């Protein structure tokens, strides 16, 4: 979760800024998890290390952050067309 906080533009005042509707899902993988997986010695017979992350939207991330903080956050959606 600590890796997602910069992505959702969380402000201590209780605002979250999301570009667009925030419904597109993405698979997030923490860099610490990757480092841990790669530090384990892979099998000589199978040198490929497979790993994956959780499929989340920005709105899912906000919901998890609200749960962790035990408080409601206000969401400001910035239309993507402003960046065209």
C-alpha atoms as a PDB file:
ATOM      1  CA  UNK A   1       0.000   0.000   0.000  1.00  0.00           C
ATOM      2  CA  UNK A   2       2.846   2.408   0.766  1.00  0.00           C
ATOM      3  CA  UNK A   3       3.850   2.208  -2.892  1.00  0.00           C
ATOM      4  CA  UNK A   4       0.407   3.307  -4.085  1.00  0.00           C
ATOM      5  CA  UNK A   5       0.061   6.448  -1.977  1.00  0.00           C
ATOM      6  CA  UNK A   6       2.203   8.625  -4.313  1.00  0.00           C
ATOM      7  CA  UNK A   7       0.253   7.356  -7.329  1.00  0.00           C
ATOM      8  CA  UNK A   8      -3.137   8.510  -6.099  1.00  0.00           C
ATOM      9  CA  UNK A   9      -2.090  12.023  -5.058  1.00  0.00           C
ATOM     10  CA  UNK A  10      -3.275  11.720  -1.456  1.00  0.00           C
ATOM     11  CA  UNK A  11      -3.225  14.920   0.563  1.00  0.00           C
ATOM     12  CA  UNK A  12      -3.249  14.963   4.356  1.00  0.00           C
ATOM     13  CA  UNK A  13      -6.216  17.333   4.214  1.00  0.00           C
ATOM     14  CA  UNK A  14      -8.334  14.378   3.113  1.00  0.00           C
ATOM     15  CA  UNK A  15      -8.356  14.892  -0.661  1.00  0.00           C
ATOM     16  CA  UNK A  16      -7.367  12.398  -3.331  1.00  0.00           C
ATOM     17  CA  UNK A  17      -6.711  13.556  -6.897  1.00  0.00           C
ATOM     18  CA  UNK A  18      -7.363  10.990  -9.623  1.00  0.00           C
ATOM     19  CA  UNK A  19      -6.771  11.567 -13.315  1.00  0.00           C
ATOM     20  CA  UNK A  20      -9.839  10.427 -15.257  1.00  0.00           C
ATOM     21  CA  UNK A  21     -12.565   8.221 -13.810  1.00  0.00           C
ATOM     22  CA  UNK A  22     -10.140   5.985 -11.892  1.00  0.00           C
ATOM     23  CA  UNK A  23     -11.799   2.764 -13.026  1.00  0.00           C
ATOM     24  CA  UNK A  24      -9.064   1.335 -15.271  1.00  0.00           C
ATOM     25  CA  UNK A  25      -7.366  -1.580 -13.548  1.00  0.00           C
ATOM     26  CA  UNK A  26      -3.627  -2.108 -13.431  1.00  0.00           C
ATOM     27  CA  UNK A  27      -1.501  -4.800 -11.857  1.00  0.00           C
ATOM     28  CA  UNK A  28       0.672  -3.259  -9.158  1.00  0.00           C
ATOM     29  CA  UNK A  29       3.800  -5.009  -7.960  1.00  0.00           C
ATOM     30  CA  UNK A  30       5.887  -3.603  -5.106  1.00  0.00           C
ATOM     31  CA  UNK A  31       9.576  -3.250  -5.907  1.00  0.00           C
ATOM     32  CA  UNK A  32      10.381  -4.847  -2.535  1.00  0.00           C
ATOM     33  CA  UNK A  33       8.434  -7.939  -3.560  1.00  0.00           C
ATOM     34  CA  UNK A  34      10.395  -8.152  -6.807  1.00  0.00           C
ATOM     35  CA  UNK A  35      13.704  -7.808  -4.964  1.00  0.00           C
ATOM     36  CA  UNK A  36      12.695 -10.527  -2.505  1.00  0.00           C
ATOM     37  CA  UNK A  37      11.681 -12.903  -5.299  1.00  0.00           C
ATOM     38  CA  UNK A  38      14.884 -12.287  -7.246  1.00  0.00           C
ATOM     39  CA  UNK A  39      17.102 -12.702  -4.191  1.00  0.00           C
ATOM     40  CA  UNK A  40      15.813 -16.276  -3.777  1.00  0.00           C
ATOM     41  CA  UNK A  41      17.934 -18.632  -5.827  1.00  0.00           C
ATOM     42  CA  UNK A  42      15.931 -19.920  -8.806  1.00  0.00           C
ATOM     43  CA  UNK A  43      16.066 -23.579  -9.716  1.00  0.00           C
ATOM     44  CA  UNK A  44      18.875 -24.445 -12.138  1.00  0.00           C
ATOM     45  CA  UNK A  45      16.402 -26.396 -14.255  1.00  0.00           C
ATOM     46  CA  UNK A  46      13.898 -23.505 -14.359  1.00  0.00           C
ATOM     47  CA  UNK A  47      15.678 -20.105 -14.169  1.00  0.00           C
ATOM     48  CA  UNK A  48      12.427 -18.202 -14.860  1.00  0.00           C
ATOM     49  CA  UNK A  49      10.896 -16.478 -11.845  1.00  0.00           C
ATOM     50  CA  UNK A  50       7.164 -15.815 -12.163  1.00  0.00           C
ATOM     51  CA  UNK A  51       5.355 -13.276 -10.018  1.00  0.00           C
ATOM     52  CA  UNK A  52       2.312 -11.053 -10.227  1.00  0.00           C
ATOM     53  CA  UNK A  53       0.515  -8.338  -8.386  1.00  0.00           C
ATOM     54  CA  UNK A  54      -2.984  -7.332  -7.444  1.00  0.00           C
ATOM     55  CA  UNK A  55      -5.299  -6.015 -10.173  1.00  0.00           C
ATOM     56  CA  UNK A  56      -6.561  -2.662  -8.834  1.00  0.00           C
ATOM     57  CA  UNK A  57      -8.095   0.561 -10.092  1.00  0.00           C
ATOM     58  CA  UNK A  58      -7.312   3.941  -8.570  1.00  0.00           C
ATOM     59  CA  UNK A  59     -10.738   3.857  -6.895  1.00  0.00           C
ATOM     60  CA  UNK A  60      -9.845   0.471  -5.364  1.00  0.00           C
ATOM     61  CA  UNK A  61      -6.615   2.012  -4.067  1.00  0.00           C
ATOM     62  CA  UNK A  62      -8.549   4.890  -2.508  1.00  0.00           C
ATOM     63  CA  UNK A  63     -10.910   2.416  -0.831  1.00  0.00           C
ATOM     64  CA  UNK A  64      -7.953   0.520   0.638  1.00  0.00           C
ATOM     65  CA  UNK A  65      -6.336   3.753   1.802  1.00  0.00           C
ATOM     66  CA  UNK A  66      -9.582   4.834   3.472  1.00  0.00           C
ATOM     67  CA  UNK A  67      -9.750   1.495   5.240  1.00  0.00           C
ATOM     68  CA  UNK A  68      -6.136   1.748   6.413  1.00  0.00           C
ATOM     69  CA  UNK A  69      -6.609   5.334   7.632  1.00  0.00           C
ATOM     70  CA  UNK A  70     -10.037   4.582   9.103  1.00  0.00           C
ATOM     71  CA  UNK A  71     -11.398   7.792   7.600  1.00  0.00           C
ATOM     72  CA  UNK A  72     -13.253   8.935   4.515  1.00  0.00           C
ATOM     73  CA  UNK A  73     -11.351  10.724   1.755  1.00  0.00           C
ATOM     74  CA  UNK A  74     -12.825  13.108  -0.794  1.00  0.00           C
ATOM     75  CA  UNK A  75     -12.021  12.260  -4.420  1.00  0.00           C
ATOM     76  CA  UNK A  76     -11.366  14.920  -7.048  1.00  0.00           C
ATOM     77  CA  UNK A  77     -11.486  13.537 -10.595  1.00  0.00           C
ATOM     78  CA  UNK A  78      -9.468  15.577 -13.098  1.00  0.00           C
ATOM     79  CA  UNK A  79     -10.712  15.009 -16.668  1.00  0.00           C
ATOM     80  CA  UNK A  80      -8.073  13.479 -18.933  1.00  0.00           C
ATOM     81  CA  UNK A  81      -9.106  15.779 -21.782  1.00  0.00           C
ATOM     82  CA  UNK A  82      -7.382  18.620 -19.905  1.00  0.00           C
ATOM     83  CA  UNK A  83      -4.080  16.995 -20.864  1.00  0.00           C
ATOM     84  CA  UNK A  84      -4.775  16.626 -24.601  1.00  0.00           C
END
